[in-house]
Amino acid sequence: MNEWLQRVAREIGCEEELSDEDAEALLKIARIAAHTSDDRRTAPLLTYLVGRARGNRPLTEILDEVQRASSS
């Protein structure tokens, strides 16, 4: 995770480290939302909802679910 993102995360009370794999999964989820919905504003909204619904599931698993839901 880059330094800016770490600093802002700490400032808002998030101590979790974002791995490169998780960052890639989130970026792919955001990309799917922006391109599939034809509304770029859905990207941050979906990534927020993913964070709320994640629990202990790996983001790569959620990415697979988003891909399936988007191709329906």
Protein backbone atom coordinates (compact mmCIF):
# COMPACT_ATOMS: atom_id res chain seq x y z
CA MET A 1 0.00 0.00 0.00
CA ASN A 2 1.42 3.38 -0.85
CA GLU A 3 2.46 5.88 1.80
CA TRP A 4 -0.36 8.37 1.15
CA LEU A 5 -3.02 5.68 1.40
CA GLN A 6 -1.50 4.32 4.63
CA ARG A 7 -1.40 7.78 6.18
CA VAL A 8 -5.02 8.56 5.28
CA ALA A 9 -6.17 5.10 6.42
CA ARG A 10 -4.53 5.62 9.82
CA GLU A 11 -6.05 9.08 10.11
CA ILE A 12 -9.57 7.68 9.62
CA GLY A 13 -8.91 4.92 12.16
CA CYS A 14 -8.14 2.00 9.85
CA GLU A 15 -5.12 0.00 10.95
CA GLU A 16 -5.54 -2.72 8.32
CA GLU A 17 -2.79 -3.12 5.74
CA LEU A 18 -3.97 -3.51 2.17
CA SER A 19 -1.97 -6.18 0.38
CA ASP A 20 -1.04 -5.80 -3.27
CA GLU A 21 -3.39 -8.70 -4.09
CA ASP A 22 -6.29 -7.07 -2.26
CA ALA A 23 -5.57 -3.71 -3.87
CA GLU A 24 -5.63 -5.34 -7.32
CA ALA A 25 -8.92 -7.12 -6.54
CA LEU A 26 -10.52 -3.85 -5.37
CA LEU A 27 -9.32 -2.00 -8.44
CA LYS A 28 -10.73 -4.73 -10.68
CA ILE A 29 -14.05 -4.59 -8.81
CA ALA A 30 -14.15 -0.81 -9.29
CA ARG A 31 -13.28 -1.19 -12.98
CA ILE A 32 -16.09 -3.72 -13.48
CA ALA A 33 -18.57 -1.40 -11.76
CA ALA A 34 -17.55 1.62 -13.82
CA HIS A 35 -17.59 -0.14 -17.18
CA THR A 36 -20.45 -2.58 -16.76
CA SER A 37 -22.90 -0.12 -15.23
CA ASP A 38 -21.98 2.68 -17.70
CA ASP A 39 -21.80 5.00 -14.69
CA ARG A 40 -18.37 5.61 -13.18
CA ARG A 41 -19.96 6.75 -9.93
CA THR A 42 -20.87 3.15 -9.13
CA ALA A 43 -17.18 2.23 -8.68
CA PRO A 44 -16.66 3.87 -5.26
CA LEU A 45 -20.14 2.89 -4.18
CA LEU A 46 -19.59 -0.78 -4.98
CA THR A 47 -16.17 -0.84 -3.32
CA TYR A 48 -17.80 0.67 -0.21
CA LEU A 49 -20.49 -2.03 -0.25
CA VAL A 50 -17.82 -4.71 -0.73
CA GLY A 51 -16.03 -3.41 2.36
CA ARG A 52 -19.25 -3.52 4.35
CA ALA A 53 -20.16 -7.05 3.20
CA ARG A 54 -16.69 -8.59 3.13
CA GLY A 55 -16.42 -10.11 6.60
CA ASN A 56 -13.43 -12.48 6.50
CA ARG A 57 -13.88 -13.49 2.88
CA PRO A 58 -10.95 -12.94 0.54
CA LEU A 59 -11.40 -10.06 -1.90
CA THR A 60 -10.49 -12.40 -4.75
CA GLU A 61 -13.60 -14.45 -3.88
CA ILE A 62 -15.74 -11.31 -3.91
CA LEU A 63 -14.17 -10.31 -7.23
CA ASP A 64 -15.32 -13.63 -8.70
CA GLU A 65 -18.84 -12.97 -7.40
CA VAL A 66 -18.88 -9.47 -8.88
CA GLN A 67 -17.68 -10.83 -12.22
CA ARG A 68 -20.46 -13.46 -12.22
CA ALA A 69 -23.12 -10.92 -11.25
CA SER A 70 -21.93 -8.48 -13.89
CA SER A 71 -22.03 -10.98 -16.71
CA SER A 72 -25.64 -11.96 -16.02
